């Protein structure tokens, strides 16, 4: 059941349960594979920070019962999404996790991607692409919570136990990409800013440019207009759901 039809073609759903199953990747013609690799190579030349690491794509998303989503997934690498630029080819939707991190006063944290990332200057929630499980491990709802918690500590220096994150919503936006949004416990603003500074310091000490270069706390969707630069398509709908419909936080 679609709860909201936000602007820009982004669908937002309330989710309580998630079932996942791995499936085989669809076959790719030699011609599409060749063009995909050429597109990817040009992208890496333009941005050497791009890395063809393993990620999870969404093969199918359907509702099996109220507030329960069944998701089939496929192992790919980042270069798979270069198929979006190949005429006639079909790229599977990407799958990512992100986190609504509130402050104690009800504001929501938004973060800006640094110039070293694939989306420089973009405002979004803390999060990242879903990674496939290692051999012998499963990709399930608990594992996704662990990944969401890992994104929080790596990007924001916020060490939140995965069990305290609650699957709260799902979005489907540009390129049919699917986002699984978790709700984190509220923290003082000082803890958020101190954690962000600490995470950036750790990344620089390791010789890496931080993934995020700025954070902001917003009280409403209207305040997002003050964040200069591109915004992730899901950002406004998620902030709107959280800040304007408090009763839905427990839904």
Foldseek 3Di string as FASTA:
>chain_A
DFPDQDPQRKTKFWAAEEAEAEDEDDDDDPVLVVVLVVLVVVVCVVAVLDDFAKFKFWPDWDDPDPRYIYTYIYIGTPSLVSSVVPPPGAGGAFEKEFEFEAAPVQWTKWFAFPPNDPFHGAIEGQIDTHGADDPPDDDHPLVNLVRRQVSCCLQQVDNADSVQWGFTMWMQHPSRHIYTYTYHDHHHPVSRVVSNVVNQVVQVVVVHGHRTDDMDIDQALVCVVVRPDHYDPCHRVVRHCVRVPVVSRVD
